[in-house]
Amino acid sequence: MNPPITITTQIIGTEETNAVNAREVHKALEIKKDFSSWIKGQIESLGLEENVDYMVFTQKGENLSGGRPGTEYILSIDAAKHIAMASRSAKGKAVRAYFIEVEKEYRHQAMAPAALLPVLTQMSRSIESILAAQLRLFERIEALEDERTTKERFLCEETKEESYTKEEEHLIMHLKSQGKTNDYIAKKLGRTNAAIRAKCTRLRAAVAAKLLENDL
């Protein structure tokens, strides 16, 4: 097509779409009727909706032909193809074919690596952010595991089996039967609170096992 119709990206209503100036379509179709009457007739006969299929604005500056500033119409590509097809002429078929070919080219460009670079860059940053968060989480888990291991080792050192004489064991059981606390018993025997607590647990278990054995 010579000259080609300029295709731009416009906001029609609330949608961003590929669009053309209706005057260029009028010229490309070689319409003899004046532009204003022609475009109004197309809108009415084809049922085109303002801010859906087209938008209207007043051209700023002086009208080169004299008179008031001209009214311009921007058509969506779909509306322009509809108008070209409805013209039922060889020019109309050529204009419609041109729009279809340009849209195919736009789609191919949109899928090109250069066009995808900003998207891939953002995806890469998102992945790096996720990996960094995972690394911080793993480091925190390792720190908690080290802390737990240290506490378990300390607890084992405190509660490891200590040797008690029979008299000490009897004294522990006697004091517990009187309601004495582990802290009291520990001070009485010169042991740690944790060691007495562990010994009481073992003594209770031994007594329970003995009672069960007698029942059997």
N, C-alpha and C. Protein backbone atom coordinates (compact mmCIF):
# COMPACT_ATOMS: atom_id res chain seq x y z
N MET A 1 0.86 -1.19 0.00
CA MET A 1 0.00 0.00 0.00
C MET A 1 0.89 1.23 0.00
N ASN A 2 0.58 2.18 -0.85
CA ASN A 2 1.41 3.38 -0.98
C ASN A 2 0.52 4.64 -1.00
N PRO A 3 0.60 5.54 -0.03
CA PRO A 3 1.40 5.38 1.20
C PRO A 3 0.68 4.48 2.21
N PRO A 4 1.41 3.85 3.13
CA PRO A 4 0.76 2.99 4.13
C PRO A 4 -0.01 3.81 5.15
N ILE A 5 -0.99 3.16 5.76
CA ILE A 5 -1.77 3.80 6.83
C ILE A 5 -0.98 3.64 8.13
N THR A 6 -0.80 4.73 8.84
CA THR A 6 -0.05 4.69 10.09
C THR A 6 -0.88 4.03 11.19
N ILE A 7 -0.30 3.02 11.82
CA ILE A 7 -0.97 2.31 12.91
C ILE A 7 -0.28 2.68 14.21
N THR A 8 -1.03 3.14 15.17
CA THR A 8 -0.49 3.54 16.47
C THR A 8 -1.23 2.82 17.59
N THR A 9 -0.70 2.92 18.79
CA THR A 9 -1.38 2.37 19.96
C THR A 9 -2.13 3.49 20.66
N GLN A 10 -3.42 3.31 20.86
CA GLN A 10 -4.26 4.34 21.46
C GLN A 10 -5.12 3.73 22.56
N ILE A 11 -5.59 4.60 23.46
CA ILE A 11 -6.56 4.19 24.48
C ILE A 11 -7.94 4.60 23.97
N ILE A 12 -8.76 3.62 23.65
CA ILE A 12 -10.14 3.88 23.23
C ILE A 12 -11.05 3.38 24.34
N GLY A 13 -11.75 4.31 24.98
CA GLY A 13 -12.52 3.93 26.17
C GLY A 13 -11.56 3.64 27.30
N THR A 14 -11.49 2.39 27.71
CA THR A 14 -10.56 1.97 28.77
C THR A 14 -9.56 0.94 28.27
N GLU A 15 -9.63 0.62 26.96
CA GLU A 15 -8.78 -0.43 26.41
C GLU A 15 -7.66 0.16 25.55
N GLU A 16 -6.47 -0.39 25.70
CA GLU A 16 -5.35 -0.03 24.82
C GLU A 16 -5.42 -0.92 23.59
N THR A 17 -5.39 -0.31 22.41
CA THR A 17 -5.55 -1.09 21.19
C THR A 17 -4.79 -0.45 20.04
N ASN A 18 -4.51 -1.24 19.01
CA ASN A 18 -3.93 -0.69 17.78
C ASN A 18 -5.03 0.09 17.07
N ALA A 19 -4.68 1.27 16.56
CA ALA A 19 -5.69 2.13 15.99
C ALA A 19 -5.13 2.92 14.81
N VAL A 20 -6.05 3.51 14.01
CA VAL A 20 -5.66 4.31 12.84
C VAL A 20 -6.52 5.56 12.79
N ASN A 21 -6.02 6.55 12.08
CA ASN A 21 -6.78 7.78 11.87
C ASN A 21 -7.77 7.52 10.73
N ALA A 22 -9.04 7.81 10.98
CA ALA A 22 -10.08 7.53 9.99
C ALA A 22 -9.84 8.28 8.68
N ARG A 23 -9.21 9.45 8.73
CA ARG A 23 -8.94 10.22 7.52
C ARG A 23 -8.00 9.46 6.59
N GLU A 24 -7.03 8.75 7.18
CA GLU A 24 -6.10 7.98 6.35
C GLU A 24 -6.82 6.81 5.68
N VAL A 25 -7.77 6.20 6.41
CA VAL A 25 -8.55 5.12 5.82
C VAL A 25 -9.40 5.67 4.67
N HIS A 26 -10.01 6.81 4.90
CA HIS A 26 -10.82 7.48 3.87
C HIS A 26 -9.99 7.74 2.61
N LYS A 27 -8.77 8.19 2.81
CA LYS A 27 -7.88 8.48 1.68
C LYS A 27 -7.44 7.21 0.98
N ALA A 28 -7.08 6.17 1.76
CA ALA A 28 -6.61 4.91 1.18
C ALA A 28 -7.70 4.21 0.38
N LEU A 29 -8.94 4.35 0.82
CA LEU A 29 -10.07 3.72 0.11
C LEU A 29 -10.50 4.54 -1.11
N GLU A 30 -9.87 5.74 -1.25
CA GLU A 30 -10.16 6.63 -2.37
C GLU A 30 -11.65 6.97 -2.44
N ILE A 31 -12.19 7.34 -1.29
CA ILE A 31 -13.60 7.70 -1.20
C ILE A 31 -13.79 9.10 -1.76
N LYS A 32 -14.76 9.27 -2.66
CA LYS A 32 -15.03 10.57 -3.27
C LYS A 32 -15.86 11.47 -2.35
N LYS A 33 -16.68 10.86 -1.52
CA LYS A 33 -17.55 11.61 -0.61
C LYS A 33 -16.70 12.32 0.43
N ASP A 34 -17.14 13.51 0.89
CA ASP A 34 -16.35 14.25 1.88
C ASP A 34 -16.24 13.43 3.17
N PHE A 35 -15.11 13.65 3.84
CA PHE A 35 -14.76 12.82 5.00
C PHE A 35 -15.82 12.85 6.09
N SER A 36 -16.28 14.03 6.47
CA SER A 36 -17.21 14.17 7.59
C SER A 36 -18.49 13.38 7.36
N SER A 37 -19.05 13.51 6.17
CA SER A 37 -20.29 12.78 5.86
C SER A 37 -20.03 11.28 5.79
N TRP A 38 -18.90 10.93 5.20
CA TRP A 38 -18.57 9.50 5.03
C TRP A 38 -18.41 8.80 6.37
N ILE A 39 -17.61 9.37 7.29
CA ILE A 39 -17.36 8.69 8.57
C ILE A 39 -18.62 8.59 9.41
N LYS A 40 -19.45 9.63 9.37
CA LYS A 40 -20.70 9.57 10.13
C LYS A 40 -21.61 8.49 9.56
N GLY A 41 -21.60 8.36 8.22
CA GLY A 41 -22.40 7.31 7.59
C GLY A 41 -21.90 5.92 7.95
N GLN A 42 -20.57 5.74 8.01
CA GLN A 42 -19.98 4.45 8.37
C GLN A 42 -20.35 4.07 9.81
N ILE A 43 -20.26 5.04 10.69
CA ILE A 43 -20.58 4.78 12.10
C ILE A 43 -22.02 4.36 12.25
N GLU A 44 -22.90 5.02 11.54
CA GLU A 44 -24.33 4.72 11.67
C GLU A 44 -24.68 3.38 11.01
N SER A 45 -24.21 3.17 9.78
CA SER A 45 -24.58 1.96 9.05
C SER A 45 -23.96 0.69 9.62
N LEU A 46 -22.77 0.80 10.20
CA LEU A 46 -22.09 -0.37 10.75
C LEU A 46 -22.31 -0.53 12.25
N GLY A 47 -23.02 0.42 12.85
CA GLY A 47 -23.32 0.32 14.28
C GLY A 47 -22.09 0.44 15.16
N LEU A 48 -21.15 1.26 14.78
CA LEU A 48 -19.92 1.43 15.58
C LEU A 48 -20.23 2.25 16.83
N GLU A 49 -19.60 1.87 17.94
CA GLU A 49 -19.86 2.53 19.22
C GLU A 49 -18.68 3.41 19.61
N GLU A 50 -19.01 4.65 20.02
CA GLU A 50 -17.97 5.56 20.47
C GLU A 50 -17.35 5.05 21.77
N ASN A 51 -16.03 5.22 21.90
CA ASN A 51 -15.23 4.76 23.05
C ASN A 51 -15.18 3.24 23.16
N VAL A 52 -15.64 2.57 22.09
CA VAL A 52 -15.47 1.12 21.99
C VAL A 52 -14.78 0.81 20.66
N ASP A 53 -15.38 1.29 19.56
CA ASP A 53 -14.82 1.08 18.22
C ASP A 53 -14.05 2.29 17.72
N TYR A 54 -14.34 3.45 18.28
CA TYR A 54 -13.67 4.67 17.83
C TYR A 54 -13.74 5.73 18.93
N MET A 55 -12.93 6.78 18.75
CA MET A 55 -13.03 7.94 19.63
C MET A 55 -12.93 9.20 18.76
N VAL A 56 -13.45 10.28 19.30
CA VAL A 56 -13.52 11.54 18.55
C VAL A 56 -12.76 12.61 19.33
N PHE A 57 -12.02 13.45 18.61
CA PHE A 57 -11.39 14.59 19.26
C PHE A 57 -11.26 15.73 18.26
N THR A 58 -11.12 16.94 18.76
CA THR A 58 -10.99 18.12 17.90
C THR A 58 -9.52 18.41 17.66
N GLN A 59 -9.17 18.53 16.39
CA GLN A 59 -7.78 18.80 16.02
C GLN A 59 -7.38 20.18 16.49
N LYS A 60 -6.28 20.25 17.27
CA LYS A 60 -5.82 21.55 17.76
C LYS A 60 -5.15 22.34 16.64
N GLY A 61 -5.15 23.65 16.78
CA GLY A 61 -4.52 24.51 15.79
C GLY A 61 -5.50 24.94 14.71
N GLU A 62 -5.00 25.66 13.76
CA GLU A 62 -5.87 26.17 12.71
C GLU A 62 -6.16 25.11 11.67
N ASN A 63 -7.35 25.16 11.12
CA ASN A 63 -7.72 24.29 10.01
C ASN A 63 -7.09 24.87 8.76
N LEU A 64 -6.23 24.08 8.10
CA LEU A 64 -5.51 24.58 6.94
C LEU A 64 -6.45 24.93 5.80
N SER A 65 -7.62 24.30 5.82
CA SER A 65 -8.60 24.58 4.77
C SER A 65 -9.46 25.78 5.13
N GLY A 66 -9.24 26.37 6.29
CA GLY A 66 -10.04 27.49 6.75
C GLY A 66 -11.21 27.00 7.59
N GLY A 67 -11.84 27.89 8.30
CA GLY A 67 -12.98 27.51 9.11
C GLY A 67 -12.57 26.99 10.46
N ARG A 68 -13.51 26.31 11.10
CA ARG A 68 -13.27 25.81 12.46
C ARG A 68 -12.30 24.62 12.45
N PRO A 69 -11.65 24.34 13.62
CA PRO A 69 -10.76 23.17 13.70
C PRO A 69 -11.52 21.90 13.34
N GLY A 70 -10.85 20.99 12.62
CA GLY A 70 -11.52 19.78 12.17
C GLY A 70 -11.72 18.75 13.28
N THR A 71 -12.73 17.92 13.11
CA THR A 71 -13.00 16.82 14.05
C THR A 71 -12.33 15.57 13.53
N GLU A 72 -11.55 14.93 14.38
CA GLU A 72 -10.81 13.74 13.99
C GLU A 72 -11.44 12.50 14.63
N TYR A 73 -11.34 11.38 13.92
CA TYR A 73 -11.85 10.10 14.39
C TYR A 73 -10.71 9.08 14.40
N ILE A 74 -10.54 8.45 15.53
CA ILE A 74 -9.56 7.37 15.64
C ILE A 74 -10.32 6.06 15.69
N LEU A 75 -10.00 5.15 14.78
CA LEU A 75 -10.69 3.85 14.69
C LEU A 75 -9.82 2.74 15.25
N SER A 76 -10.43 1.81 15.95
CA SER A 76 -9.70 0.60 16.31
C SER A 76 -9.42 -0.18 15.03
N ILE A 77 -8.40 -1.02 15.05
CA ILE A 77 -8.06 -1.81 13.87
C ILE A 77 -9.25 -2.66 13.42
N ASP A 78 -9.94 -3.25 14.39
CA ASP A 78 -11.10 -4.09 14.04
C ASP A 78 -12.17 -3.28 13.32
N ALA A 79 -12.43 -2.05 13.83
CA ALA A 79 -13.43 -1.19 13.19
C ALA A 79 -12.97 -0.79 11.79
N ALA A 80 -11.68 -0.49 11.64
CA ALA A 80 -11.15 -0.11 10.33
C ALA A 80 -11.25 -1.26 9.34
N LYS A 81 -10.98 -2.48 9.78
CA LYS A 81 -11.11 -3.65 8.90
C LYS A 81 -12.57 -3.83 8.49
N HIS A 82 -13.47 -3.60 9.43
CA HIS A 82 -14.90 -3.73 9.16
C HIS A 82 -15.33 -2.73 8.08
N ILE A 83 -14.84 -1.49 8.21
CA ILE A 83 -15.17 -0.45 7.23
C ILE A 83 -14.60 -0.82 5.85
N ALA A 84 -13.34 -1.29 5.82
CA ALA A 84 -12.71 -1.66 4.56
C ALA A 84 -13.47 -2.80 3.88
N MET A 85 -13.87 -3.80 4.65
CA MET A 85 -14.60 -4.92 4.09
C MET A 85 -15.97 -4.49 3.56
N ALA A 86 -16.62 -3.56 4.31
CA ALA A 86 -17.96 -3.10 3.93
C ALA A 86 -17.94 -2.25 2.67
N SER A 87 -16.77 -1.74 2.27
CA SER A 87 -16.70 -0.89 1.08
C SER A 87 -16.91 -1.70 -0.21
N ARG A 88 -16.62 -3.02 -0.13
CA ARG A 88 -16.86 -3.93 -1.26
C ARG A 88 -16.17 -3.45 -2.53
N SER A 89 -14.91 -3.12 -2.35
CA SER A 89 -14.12 -2.67 -3.50
C SER A 89 -12.73 -3.30 -3.42
N ALA A 90 -12.02 -3.22 -4.51
CA ALA A 90 -10.66 -3.76 -4.53
C ALA A 90 -9.77 -3.03 -3.53
N LYS A 91 -9.98 -1.73 -3.42
CA LYS A 91 -9.20 -0.95 -2.44
C LYS A 91 -9.53 -1.40 -1.03
N GLY A 92 -10.81 -1.68 -0.78
CA GLY A 92 -11.22 -2.13 0.54
C GLY A 92 -10.55 -3.44 0.91
N LYS A 93 -10.49 -4.37 -0.04
CA LYS A 93 -9.83 -5.66 0.22
C LYS A 93 -8.35 -5.46 0.49
N ALA A 94 -7.73 -4.54 -0.26
CA ALA A 94 -6.29 -4.29 -0.07
C ALA A 94 -6.01 -3.67 1.30
N VAL A 95 -6.87 -2.72 1.70
CA VAL A 95 -6.70 -2.08 3.01
C VAL A 95 -6.87 -3.09 4.12
N ARG A 96 -7.90 -3.92 4.03
CA ARG A 96 -8.14 -4.94 5.06
C ARG A 96 -6.97 -5.92 5.12
N ALA A 97 -6.47 -6.36 3.97
CA ALA A 97 -5.32 -7.28 3.92
C ALA A 97 -4.09 -6.64 4.55
N TYR A 98 -3.93 -5.32 4.33
CA TYR A 98 -2.80 -4.59 4.91
C TYR A 98 -2.89 -4.60 6.43
N PHE A 99 -4.07 -4.32 6.98
CA PHE A 99 -4.25 -4.33 8.43
C PHE A 99 -3.92 -5.70 9.02
N ILE A 100 -4.40 -6.74 8.37
CA ILE A 100 -4.16 -8.10 8.85
C ILE A 100 -2.67 -8.42 8.84
N GLU A 101 -1.97 -8.03 7.77
CA GLU A 101 -0.54 -8.30 7.66
C GLU A 101 0.26 -7.56 8.73
N VAL A 102 -0.10 -6.29 8.95
CA VAL A 102 0.60 -5.50 9.97
C VAL A 102 0.39 -6.09 11.36
N GLU A 103 -0.82 -6.53 11.66
CA GLU A 103 -1.09 -7.13 12.97
C GLU A 103 -0.28 -8.41 13.16
N LYS A 104 -0.14 -9.20 12.11
CA LYS A 104 0.70 -10.41 12.20
C LYS A 104 2.14 -10.04 12.54
N GLU A 105 2.63 -8.98 11.89
CA GLU A 105 4.00 -8.53 12.13
C GLU A 105 4.16 -8.05 13.57
N TYR A 106 3.16 -7.33 14.08
CA TYR A 106 3.20 -6.87 15.47
C TYR A 106 3.27 -8.04 16.44
N ARG A 107 2.48 -9.07 16.14
CA ARG A 107 2.48 -10.26 17.03
C ARG A 107 3.83 -10.94 17.03
N HIS A 108 4.46 -11.03 15.84
CA HIS A 108 5.78 -11.65 15.76
C HIS A 108 6.82 -10.84 16.53
N GLN A 109 6.72 -9.50 16.41
CA GLN A 109 7.65 -8.64 17.14
C GLN A 109 7.45 -8.76 18.64
N ALA A 110 6.19 -8.91 19.06
CA ALA A 110 5.90 -9.04 20.49
C ALA A 110 6.51 -10.28 21.07
N MET A 111 6.70 -11.32 20.23
CA MET A 111 7.25 -12.58 20.71
C MET A 111 8.77 -12.66 20.54
N ALA A 112 9.37 -11.62 19.94
CA ALA A 112 10.81 -11.61 19.72
C ALA A 112 11.56 -11.51 21.04
N PRO A 113 12.80 -12.06 21.12
CA PRO A 113 13.59 -12.00 22.36
C PRO A 113 13.77 -10.59 22.90
N ALA A 114 13.97 -9.60 22.01
CA ALA A 114 14.16 -8.23 22.49
C ALA A 114 12.93 -7.72 23.21
N ALA A 115 11.75 -8.09 22.69
CA ALA A 115 10.52 -7.64 23.34
C ALA A 115 10.29 -8.35 24.66
N LEU A 116 10.80 -9.57 24.76
CA LEU A 116 10.62 -10.35 25.99
C LEU A 116 11.66 -10.02 27.05
N LEU A 117 12.70 -9.26 26.67
CA LEU A 117 13.79 -8.98 27.61
C LEU A 117 13.33 -8.34 28.91
N PRO A 118 12.47 -7.29 28.89
CA PRO A 118 12.01 -6.70 30.16
C PRO A 118 11.28 -7.71 31.04
N VAL A 119 10.47 -8.57 30.41
CA VAL A 119 9.73 -9.59 31.17
C VAL A 119 10.70 -10.59 31.78
N LEU A 120 11.66 -11.04 30.97
CA LEU A 120 12.64 -12.01 31.47
C LEU A 120 13.49 -11.40 32.59
N THR A 121 13.83 -10.12 32.44
CA THR A 121 14.60 -9.44 33.48
C THR A 121 13.85 -9.40 34.79
N GLN A 122 12.55 -9.06 34.72
CA GLN A 122 11.73 -9.02 35.92
C GLN A 122 11.59 -10.41 36.55
N MET A 123 11.41 -11.43 35.69
CA MET A 123 11.32 -12.80 36.19
C MET A 123 12.62 -13.20 36.89
N SER A 124 13.76 -12.82 36.29
CA SER A 124 15.05 -13.14 36.88
C SER A 124 15.21 -12.49 38.25
N ARG A 125 14.78 -11.23 38.36
CA ARG A 125 14.86 -10.53 39.65
C ARG A 125 13.97 -11.20 40.68
N SER A 126 12.80 -11.63 40.25
CA SER A 126 11.87 -12.30 41.17
C SER A 126 12.47 -13.61 41.67
N ILE A 127 13.08 -14.36 40.75
CA ILE A 127 13.70 -15.64 41.12
C ILE A 127 14.85 -15.40 42.09
N GLU A 128 15.68 -14.38 41.81
CA GLU A 128 16.79 -14.06 42.71
C GLU A 128 16.27 -13.69 44.10
N SER A 129 15.18 -12.95 44.15
CA SER A 129 14.59 -12.56 45.43
C SER A 129 14.10 -13.77 46.20
N ILE A 130 13.46 -14.71 45.48
CA ILE A 130 12.96 -15.94 46.12
C ILE A 130 14.12 -16.77 46.64
N LEU A 131 15.18 -16.91 45.83
CA LEU A 131 16.34 -17.70 46.25
C LEU A 131 17.02 -17.08 47.47
N ALA A 132 17.09 -15.75 47.49
CA ALA A 132 17.70 -15.07 48.63
C ALA A 132 16.87 -15.31 49.90
N ALA A 133 15.55 -15.27 49.76
CA ALA A 133 14.67 -15.52 50.90
C ALA A 133 14.81 -16.96 51.39
N GLN A 134 14.93 -17.90 50.44
CA GLN A 134 15.13 -19.30 50.81
C GLN A 134 16.46 -19.49 51.54
N LEU A 135 17.50 -18.81 51.05
CA LEU A 135 18.81 -18.92 51.69
C LEU A 135 18.75 -18.41 53.12
N ARG A 136 18.06 -17.27 53.33
CA ARG A 136 17.92 -16.74 54.69
C ARG A 136 17.14 -17.71 55.57
N LEU A 137 16.12 -18.35 55.00
CA LEU A 137 15.34 -19.32 55.76
C LEU A 137 16.19 -20.52 56.14
N PHE A 138 16.98 -21.04 55.18
CA PHE A 138 17.85 -22.18 55.48
C PHE A 138 18.87 -21.84 56.56
N GLU A 139 19.42 -20.63 56.47
CA GLU A 139 20.39 -20.21 57.48
C GLU A 139 19.73 -20.13 58.86
N ARG A 140 18.49 -19.65 58.90
CA ARG A 140 17.76 -19.56 60.17
C ARG A 140 17.48 -20.95 60.73
N ILE A 141 17.09 -21.87 59.83
CA ILE A 141 16.82 -23.25 60.27
C ILE A 141 18.08 -23.88 60.83
N GLU A 142 19.22 -23.68 60.15
CA GLU A 142 20.49 -24.24 60.63
C GLU A 142 20.85 -23.65 62.00
N ALA A 143 20.62 -22.35 62.17
CA ALA A 143 20.92 -21.71 63.45
C ALA A 143 20.05 -22.29 64.56
N LEU A 144 18.76 -22.52 64.27
CA LEU A 144 17.85 -23.09 65.26
C LEU A 144 18.25 -24.53 65.59
N GLU A 145 18.67 -25.28 64.57
CA GLU A 145 19.10 -26.67 64.81
C GLU A 145 20.36 -26.70 65.67
N ASP A 146 21.30 -25.77 65.39
CA ASP A 146 22.52 -25.71 66.20
C ASP A 146 22.17 -25.35 67.65
N GLU A 147 21.21 -24.40 67.80
CA GLU A 147 20.79 -23.99 69.14
C GLU A 147 20.13 -25.16 69.88
N ARG A 148 19.27 -25.91 69.16
CA ARG A 148 18.60 -27.05 69.78
C ARG A 148 19.61 -28.13 70.17
N THR A 149 20.60 -28.37 69.28
CA THR A 149 21.63 -29.38 69.58
C THR A 149 22.41 -29.01 70.84
N THR A 150 22.74 -27.71 70.94
CA THR A 150 23.47 -27.22 72.11
C THR A 150 22.66 -27.41 73.38
N LYS A 151 21.36 -27.07 73.31
CA LYS A 151 20.50 -27.22 74.49
C LYS A 151 20.35 -28.68 74.88
N GLU A 152 20.20 -29.55 73.86
CA GLU A 152 20.06 -30.98 74.15
C GLU A 152 21.33 -31.54 74.78
N ARG A 153 22.49 -31.07 74.28
CA ARG A 153 23.75 -31.54 74.84
C ARG A 153 23.89 -31.08 76.29
N PHE A 154 23.51 -29.81 76.53
CA PHE A 154 23.59 -29.28 77.88
C PHE A 154 22.63 -30.02 78.82
N LEU A 155 21.42 -30.32 78.30
CA LEU A 155 20.45 -31.04 79.11
C LEU A 155 20.94 -32.45 79.43
N CYS A 156 21.54 -33.09 78.44
CA CYS A 156 22.07 -34.43 78.67
C CYS A 156 23.17 -34.42 79.72
N GLU A 157 24.01 -33.37 79.67
CA GLU A 157 25.07 -33.25 80.66
C GLU A 157 24.49 -33.08 82.05
N GLU A 158 23.38 -32.32 82.12
CA GLU A 158 22.77 -32.05 83.42
C GLU A 158 22.04 -33.26 83.97
N THR A 159 21.41 -34.00 83.06
CA THR A 159 20.52 -35.08 83.50
C THR A 159 21.11 -36.47 83.33
N LYS A 160 22.37 -36.57 82.98
CA LYS A 160 22.96 -37.90 82.79
C LYS A 160 22.91 -38.68 84.11
N GLU A 161 22.90 -39.96 83.95
CA GLU A 161 22.78 -40.86 85.11
C GLU A 161 23.92 -40.63 86.09
N GLU A 162 23.57 -40.35 87.31
CA GLU A 162 24.56 -40.22 88.36
C GLU A 162 24.38 -41.37 89.36
N SER A 163 25.46 -41.73 90.00
CA SER A 163 25.38 -42.83 90.97
C SER A 163 24.81 -42.31 92.29
N TYR A 164 23.86 -43.07 92.85
CA TYR A 164 23.23 -42.76 94.14
C TYR A 164 23.32 -44.00 95.01
N THR A 165 23.59 -43.76 96.25
CA THR A 165 23.56 -44.88 97.20
C THR A 165 22.10 -45.24 97.47
N LYS A 166 21.90 -46.41 98.05
CA LYS A 166 20.54 -46.84 98.40
C LYS A 166 19.92 -45.88 99.40
N GLU A 167 20.77 -45.40 100.33
CA GLU A 167 20.28 -44.46 101.33
C GLU A 167 19.79 -43.17 100.67
N GLU A 168 20.56 -42.68 99.63
CA GLU A 168 20.15 -41.47 98.94
C GLU A 168 18.84 -41.68 98.19
N GLU A 169 18.69 -42.83 97.56
CA GLU A 169 17.46 -43.13 96.84
C GLU A 169 16.28 -43.17 97.79
N HIS A 170 16.46 -43.82 98.96
CA HIS A 170 15.39 -43.89 99.95
C HIS A 170 15.04 -42.50 100.47
N LEU A 171 16.10 -41.66 100.66
CA LEU A 171 15.87 -40.31 101.16
C LEU A 171 15.08 -39.48 100.13
N ILE A 172 15.45 -39.65 98.86
CA ILE A 172 14.73 -38.93 97.79
C ILE A 172 13.26 -39.31 97.80
N MET A 173 12.96 -40.60 97.87
CA MET A 173 11.58 -41.07 97.85
C MET A 173 10.83 -40.60 99.10
N HIS A 174 11.53 -40.61 100.22
CA HIS A 174 10.91 -40.17 101.46
C HIS A 174 10.55 -38.68 101.40
N LEU A 175 11.52 -37.86 100.92
CA LEU A 175 11.28 -36.42 100.83
C LEU A 175 10.17 -36.09 99.82
N LYS A 176 10.13 -36.84 98.71
CA LYS A 176 9.07 -36.62 97.73
C LYS A 176 7.71 -36.97 98.31
N SER A 177 7.67 -38.04 99.13
CA SER A 177 6.40 -38.42 99.75
C SER A 177 5.91 -37.36 100.73
N GLN A 178 6.85 -36.56 101.24
CA GLN A 178 6.49 -35.46 102.14
C GLN A 178 6.15 -34.18 101.37
N GLY A 179 6.22 -34.25 100.03
CA GLY A 179 5.88 -33.09 99.21
C GLY A 179 7.01 -32.12 99.02
N LYS A 180 8.23 -32.54 99.28
CA LYS A 180 9.37 -31.63 99.11
C LYS A 180 9.65 -31.41 97.62
N THR A 181 10.12 -30.25 97.29
CA THR A 181 10.40 -29.93 95.90
C THR A 181 11.75 -30.49 95.48
N ASN A 182 11.92 -30.58 94.15
CA ASN A 182 13.20 -31.05 93.61
C ASN A 182 14.33 -30.11 94.01
N ASP A 183 14.04 -28.82 94.07
CA ASP A 183 15.06 -27.85 94.45
C ASP A 183 15.52 -28.08 95.89
N TYR A 184 14.54 -28.38 96.74
CA TYR A 184 14.86 -28.65 98.16
C TYR A 184 15.73 -29.90 98.26
N ILE A 185 15.32 -30.96 97.53
CA ILE A 185 16.06 -32.24 97.61
C ILE A 185 17.46 -32.06 97.02
N ALA A 186 17.57 -31.29 95.92
CA ALA A 186 18.87 -31.07 95.30
C ALA A 186 19.83 -30.41 96.26
N LYS A 187 19.35 -29.40 96.96
CA LYS A 187 20.20 -28.71 97.93
C LYS A 187 20.57 -29.65 99.08
N LYS A 188 19.61 -30.50 99.44
CA LYS A 188 19.84 -31.43 100.55
C LYS A 188 20.95 -32.42 100.22
N LEU A 189 20.98 -32.90 98.94
CA LEU A 189 21.94 -33.92 98.53
C LEU A 189 23.15 -33.34 97.79
N GLY A 190 23.14 -32.02 97.56
CA GLY A 190 24.26 -31.41 96.85
C GLY A 190 24.29 -31.79 95.38
N ARG A 191 23.08 -31.95 94.79
CA ARG A 191 22.97 -32.27 93.37
C ARG A 191 22.28 -31.11 92.64
N THR A 192 22.24 -31.21 91.28
CA THR A 192 21.53 -30.20 90.52
C THR A 192 20.04 -30.53 90.49
N ASN A 193 19.26 -29.49 90.28
CA ASN A 193 17.81 -29.67 90.19
C ASN A 193 17.47 -30.64 89.05
N ALA A 194 18.12 -30.48 87.88
CA ALA A 194 17.85 -31.33 86.74
C ALA A 194 18.19 -32.78 87.04
N ALA A 195 19.30 -33.01 87.77
CA ALA A 195 19.71 -34.38 88.10
C ALA A 195 18.69 -35.05 89.02
N ILE A 196 18.18 -34.29 90.01
CA ILE A 196 17.16 -34.84 90.92
C ILE A 196 15.88 -35.14 90.16
N ARG A 197 15.51 -34.23 89.26
CA ARG A 197 14.28 -34.44 88.48
C ARG A 197 14.39 -35.71 87.64
N ALA A 198 15.56 -35.91 87.01
CA ALA A 198 15.77 -37.11 86.20
C ALA A 198 15.75 -38.37 87.08
N LYS A 199 16.36 -38.27 88.26
CA LYS A 199 16.40 -39.44 89.16
C LYS A 199 15.00 -39.80 89.64
N CYS A 200 14.19 -38.78 89.96
CA CYS A 200 12.81 -39.02 90.40
C CYS A 200 12.01 -39.73 89.32
N THR A 201 12.24 -39.32 88.07
CA THR A 201 11.54 -39.95 86.95
C THR A 201 11.91 -41.42 86.87
N ARG A 202 13.19 -41.72 87.02
CA ARG A 202 13.64 -43.12 86.94
C ARG A 202 13.11 -43.93 88.12
N LEU A 203 13.08 -43.32 89.30
CA LEU A 203 12.58 -44.04 90.47
C LEU A 203 11.09 -44.35 90.32
N ARG A 204 10.32 -43.40 89.82
CA ARG A 204 8.89 -43.64 89.61
C ARG A 204 8.69 -44.77 88.61
N ALA A 205 9.51 -44.77 87.57
CA ALA A 205 9.40 -45.81 86.56
C ALA A 205 9.74 -47.17 87.16
N ALA A 206 10.75 -47.21 88.00
CA ALA A 206 11.15 -48.48 88.63
C ALA A 206 10.06 -49.00 89.56
N VAL A 207 9.44 -48.08 90.32
CA VAL A 207 8.37 -48.47 91.24
C VAL A 207 7.17 -48.98 90.46
N ALA A 208 6.83 -48.26 89.37
CA ALA A 208 5.68 -48.68 88.55
C ALA A 208 5.93 -50.05 87.94
N ALA A 209 7.16 -50.28 87.49
CA ALA A 209 7.48 -51.60 86.91
C ALA A 209 7.40 -52.71 87.95
N LYS A 210 7.84 -52.39 89.18
CA LYS A 210 7.79 -53.39 90.25
C LYS A 210 6.35 -53.74 90.61
N LEU A 211 5.50 -52.72 90.70
CA LEU A 211 4.09 -52.96 91.01
C LEU A 211 3.41 -53.79 89.93
N LEU A 212 3.76 -53.51 88.67
CA LEU A 212 3.18 -54.28 87.55
C LEU A 212 3.64 -55.72 87.62
N GLU A 213 4.91 -55.90 87.95
CA GLU A 213 5.46 -57.27 88.06
C GLU A 213 4.74 -58.04 89.16
N ASN A 214 4.45 -57.38 90.28
CA ASN A 214 3.76 -58.05 91.39
C ASN A 214 2.33 -58.41 91.01
N ASP A 215 1.69 -57.51 90.21
CA ASP A 215 0.33 -57.79 89.79
C ASP A 215 0.27 -59.00 88.89
N LEU A 216 1.32 -59.15 88.08
CA LEU A 216 1.35 -60.29 87.17
C LEU A 216 1.68 -61.58 87.93
